[in-house]
């Protein structure tokens, strides 16, 4: 089993629209906010962890596809850690 830990920030994310969209994706995938600026999954199979990260990366690669996001919104940093639990 594997655990995913993610920390992410954005440029030009006015009203946190991109962040809120990504937060909803994280929650739907079972990641929870640790209140330290990171999101963490429970122990999941490696294929599920990889699929979770793929979905997030696709959204971050095209932030303007998120409704009402600032046209200049972009990824600032993404830190991903996947480890065996």
N, C-alpha and C. Protein backbone atom coordinates (compact mmCIF):
# COMPACT_ATOMS: atom_id res chain seq x y z
N UNK A 1 0.85 -1.18 0.00
CA UNK A 1 0.00 0.00 0.00
C UNK A 1 0.89 1.24 0.00
N UNK A 2 0.35 2.31 -0.54
CA UNK A 2 1.11 3.54 -0.74
C UNK A 2 0.34 4.74 -0.21
N UNK A 3 1.09 5.76 0.15
CA UNK A 3 0.51 7.02 0.63
C UNK A 3 1.02 8.14 -0.26
N UNK A 4 0.14 9.08 -0.56
CA UNK A 4 0.48 10.24 -1.38
C UNK A 4 0.40 11.48 -0.49
N UNK A 5 1.44 12.31 -0.54
CA UNK A 5 1.44 13.59 0.15
C UNK A 5 1.73 14.68 -0.88
N UNK A 6 0.92 15.72 -0.88
CA UNK A 6 1.02 16.77 -1.90
C UNK A 6 1.04 18.14 -1.23
N UNK A 7 1.89 19.00 -1.74
CA UNK A 7 1.88 20.42 -1.37
C UNK A 7 1.93 21.20 -2.67
N UNK A 8 1.08 22.19 -2.80
CA UNK A 8 0.98 22.92 -4.06
C UNK A 8 0.64 24.39 -3.78
N UNK A 9 1.14 25.27 -4.65
CA UNK A 9 0.76 26.68 -4.59
C UNK A 9 0.66 27.21 -6.02
N UNK A 10 0.04 28.37 -6.14
CA UNK A 10 -0.30 28.91 -7.46
C UNK A 10 0.06 30.39 -7.55
N UNK A 11 0.29 30.84 -8.77
CA UNK A 11 0.40 32.27 -9.08
C UNK A 11 -0.96 32.75 -9.59
N UNK A 12 -1.30 33.98 -9.30
CA UNK A 12 -2.50 34.64 -9.84
C UNK A 12 -3.77 33.84 -9.58
N UNK A 13 -3.90 33.27 -8.40
CA UNK A 13 -5.10 32.50 -8.07
C UNK A 13 -6.03 33.37 -7.23
N UNK A 14 -6.57 34.40 -7.85
CA UNK A 14 -7.45 35.33 -7.16
C UNK A 14 -8.70 34.61 -6.69
N UNK A 15 -9.09 34.92 -5.47
CA UNK A 15 -10.25 34.30 -4.81
C UNK A 15 -10.08 32.78 -4.65
N UNK A 16 -8.86 32.29 -4.80
CA UNK A 16 -8.53 30.87 -4.58
C UNK A 16 -9.39 29.91 -5.41
N UNK A 17 -9.78 30.34 -6.59
CA UNK A 17 -10.65 29.49 -7.41
C UNK A 17 -9.94 28.22 -7.87
N UNK A 18 -8.68 28.35 -8.29
CA UNK A 18 -7.94 27.16 -8.71
C UNK A 18 -7.67 26.28 -7.50
N UNK A 19 -7.24 26.89 -6.41
CA UNK A 19 -6.97 26.12 -5.20
C UNK A 19 -8.21 25.37 -4.73
N UNK A 20 -9.36 26.03 -4.73
CA UNK A 20 -10.59 25.38 -4.28
C UNK A 20 -10.99 24.23 -5.20
N UNK A 21 -10.76 24.41 -6.49
CA UNK A 21 -11.05 23.34 -7.45
C UNK A 21 -10.16 22.14 -7.18
N UNK A 22 -8.87 22.39 -7.00
CA UNK A 22 -7.92 21.31 -6.71
C UNK A 22 -8.25 20.67 -5.36
N UNK A 23 -8.62 21.48 -4.38
CA UNK A 23 -8.98 20.94 -3.06
C UNK A 23 -10.17 19.99 -3.17
N UNK A 24 -11.15 20.34 -4.01
CA UNK A 24 -12.30 19.45 -4.21
C UNK A 24 -11.86 18.14 -4.88
N UNK A 25 -10.92 18.23 -5.83
CA UNK A 25 -10.39 17.00 -6.45
C UNK A 25 -9.69 16.14 -5.40
N UNK A 26 -8.87 16.77 -4.58
CA UNK A 26 -8.17 16.04 -3.53
C UNK A 26 -9.17 15.34 -2.60
N UNK A 27 -10.18 16.07 -2.17
CA UNK A 27 -11.17 15.49 -1.26
C UNK A 27 -11.91 14.32 -1.92
N UNK A 28 -12.26 14.48 -3.19
CA UNK A 28 -12.96 13.40 -3.91
C UNK A 28 -12.07 12.16 -4.04
N UNK A 29 -10.76 12.36 -4.08
CA UNK A 29 -9.83 11.25 -4.19
C UNK A 29 -9.49 10.64 -2.83
N UNK A 30 -9.98 11.24 -1.77
CA UNK A 30 -9.71 10.71 -0.45
C UNK A 30 -8.51 11.32 0.25
N UNK A 31 -7.92 12.37 -0.33
CA UNK A 31 -6.84 13.06 0.35
C UNK A 31 -7.45 14.02 1.36
N UNK A 32 -6.82 14.19 2.49
CA UNK A 32 -7.32 15.13 3.48
C UNK A 32 -6.27 16.19 3.77
N UNK A 33 -6.75 17.38 4.09
CA UNK A 33 -5.89 18.51 4.40
C UNK A 33 -5.34 18.32 5.80
N UNK A 34 -4.03 18.36 5.93
CA UNK A 34 -3.40 18.16 7.24
C UNK A 34 -3.28 19.45 8.03
N UNK A 35 -3.75 20.56 7.48
CA UNK A 35 -3.66 21.88 8.10
C UNK A 35 -2.22 22.35 8.24
N UNK A 36 -1.31 21.76 7.50
CA UNK A 36 0.07 22.21 7.46
C UNK A 36 0.44 22.61 6.03
N UNK A 37 -0.58 22.78 5.20
CA UNK A 37 -0.34 23.14 3.80
C UNK A 37 -0.15 21.93 2.91
N UNK A 38 -0.34 20.74 3.47
CA UNK A 38 -0.22 19.54 2.66
C UNK A 38 -1.52 18.76 2.67
N UNK A 39 -1.64 17.90 1.69
CA UNK A 39 -2.76 16.98 1.57
C UNK A 39 -2.19 15.57 1.61
N UNK A 40 -2.88 14.66 2.28
CA UNK A 40 -2.34 13.31 2.45
C UNK A 40 -3.44 12.27 2.23
N UNK A 41 -3.07 11.19 1.55
CA UNK A 41 -4.02 10.11 1.32
C UNK A 41 -3.89 9.06 2.41
N UNK A 42 -4.89 8.22 2.47
CA UNK A 42 -4.77 7.00 3.26
C UNK A 42 -3.92 6.03 2.46
N UNK A 43 -3.67 4.88 3.00
CA UNK A 43 -2.92 3.87 2.26
C UNK A 43 -3.78 3.35 1.11
N UNK A 44 -3.25 3.45 -0.11
CA UNK A 44 -3.97 3.00 -1.30
C UNK A 44 -3.02 2.19 -2.17
N UNK A 45 -3.57 1.38 -3.08
CA UNK A 45 -2.70 0.66 -4.01
C UNK A 45 -1.92 1.65 -4.88
N UNK A 46 -0.74 1.24 -5.32
CA UNK A 46 0.12 2.12 -6.11
C UNK A 46 -0.59 2.64 -7.37
N UNK A 47 -1.34 1.79 -8.06
CA UNK A 47 -2.04 2.23 -9.27
C UNK A 47 -3.04 3.34 -8.96
N UNK A 48 -3.70 3.25 -7.82
CA UNK A 48 -4.65 4.30 -7.43
C UNK A 48 -3.92 5.59 -7.11
N UNK A 49 -2.79 5.50 -6.42
CA UNK A 49 -2.00 6.69 -6.12
C UNK A 49 -1.54 7.37 -7.41
N UNK A 50 -1.09 6.59 -8.38
CA UNK A 50 -0.64 7.14 -9.66
C UNK A 50 -1.81 7.79 -10.40
N UNK A 51 -2.96 7.18 -10.37
CA UNK A 51 -4.14 7.74 -11.04
C UNK A 51 -4.55 9.06 -10.39
N UNK A 52 -4.46 9.12 -9.07
CA UNK A 52 -4.79 10.36 -8.36
C UNK A 52 -3.88 11.48 -8.82
N UNK A 53 -2.60 11.22 -8.87
CA UNK A 53 -1.65 12.25 -9.26
C UNK A 53 -1.83 12.64 -10.72
N UNK A 54 -2.16 11.71 -11.57
CA UNK A 54 -2.39 12.02 -12.98
C UNK A 54 -3.54 13.02 -13.14
N UNK A 55 -4.61 12.81 -12.41
CA UNK A 55 -5.76 13.71 -12.50
C UNK A 55 -5.38 15.12 -12.04
N UNK A 56 -4.64 15.21 -10.97
CA UNK A 56 -4.22 16.53 -10.47
C UNK A 56 -3.30 17.21 -11.48
N UNK A 57 -2.33 16.48 -12.02
CA UNK A 57 -1.39 17.06 -12.98
C UNK A 57 -2.10 17.55 -14.23
N UNK A 58 -3.11 16.83 -14.70
CA UNK A 58 -3.86 17.26 -15.88
C UNK A 58 -4.58 18.58 -15.61
N UNK A 59 -5.14 18.73 -14.43
CA UNK A 59 -5.82 19.99 -14.08
C UNK A 59 -4.82 21.12 -13.95
N UNK A 60 -3.69 20.87 -13.31
CA UNK A 60 -2.68 21.92 -13.12
C UNK A 60 -2.03 22.32 -14.44
N UNK A 61 -1.98 21.41 -15.39
CA UNK A 61 -1.39 21.73 -16.70
C UNK A 61 -2.29 22.66 -17.51
N UNK A 62 -3.58 22.67 -17.20
CA UNK A 62 -4.55 23.49 -17.95
C UNK A 62 -5.48 24.22 -16.99
N UNK A 63 -4.95 25.11 -16.15
CA UNK A 63 -5.80 25.74 -15.14
C UNK A 63 -6.92 26.60 -15.72
N UNK A 64 -6.74 27.10 -16.93
CA UNK A 64 -7.79 27.94 -17.51
C UNK A 64 -9.03 27.13 -17.89
N UNK A 65 -8.96 25.82 -17.84
CA UNK A 65 -10.14 24.99 -18.07
C UNK A 65 -11.05 24.96 -16.85
N UNK A 66 -10.57 25.46 -15.72
CA UNK A 66 -11.37 25.53 -14.51
C UNK A 66 -12.24 26.79 -14.59
N UNK A 67 -13.54 26.65 -14.36
CA UNK A 67 -14.44 27.81 -14.49
C UNK A 67 -14.03 28.98 -13.62
N UNK A 68 -14.05 30.18 -14.21
CA UNK A 68 -13.83 31.45 -13.52
C UNK A 68 -12.43 31.65 -12.95
N UNK A 69 -11.46 30.87 -13.41
CA UNK A 69 -10.09 31.03 -12.95
C UNK A 69 -9.44 32.17 -13.71
N UNK A 70 -8.62 32.95 -13.01
CA UNK A 70 -7.89 34.05 -13.63
C UNK A 70 -7.12 33.52 -14.84
N UNK A 71 -7.15 34.24 -15.97
CA UNK A 71 -6.44 33.78 -17.17
C UNK A 71 -4.93 33.65 -16.96
N UNK A 72 -4.38 34.31 -15.94
CA UNK A 72 -2.95 34.21 -15.66
C UNK A 72 -2.62 33.16 -14.60
N UNK A 73 -3.64 32.48 -14.07
CA UNK A 73 -3.40 31.48 -13.03
C UNK A 73 -2.44 30.42 -13.55
N UNK A 74 -1.50 30.05 -12.68
CA UNK A 74 -0.50 29.06 -13.06
C UNK A 74 0.06 28.39 -11.81
N UNK A 75 0.65 27.25 -12.02
CA UNK A 75 1.30 26.53 -10.95
C UNK A 75 2.53 27.29 -10.47
N UNK A 76 2.70 27.45 -9.18
CA UNK A 76 3.90 28.04 -8.60
C UNK A 76 4.85 26.90 -8.24
N UNK A 77 4.40 26.01 -7.37
CA UNK A 77 5.22 24.84 -7.07
C UNK A 77 4.32 23.64 -6.76
N UNK A 78 4.85 22.48 -7.03
CA UNK A 78 4.16 21.22 -6.73
C UNK A 78 5.18 20.28 -6.11
N UNK A 79 4.88 19.83 -4.92
CA UNK A 79 5.74 18.90 -4.23
C UNK A 79 4.90 17.65 -4.00
N UNK A 80 5.35 16.51 -4.52
CA UNK A 80 4.62 15.26 -4.40
C UNK A 80 5.55 14.21 -3.79
N UNK A 81 5.01 13.49 -2.85
CA UNK A 81 5.76 12.43 -2.19
C UNK A 81 4.88 11.20 -2.17
N UNK A 82 5.36 10.11 -2.69
CA UNK A 82 4.63 8.85 -2.64
C UNK A 82 5.54 7.84 -1.96
N UNK A 83 5.04 7.25 -0.87
CA UNK A 83 5.87 6.27 -0.16
C UNK A 83 5.05 5.04 0.23
N UNK A 84 5.78 3.98 0.47
CA UNK A 84 5.15 2.73 0.88
C UNK A 84 4.76 2.87 2.36
N UNK A 85 3.52 2.51 2.67
CA UNK A 85 3.02 2.61 4.04
C UNK A 85 3.28 1.30 4.75
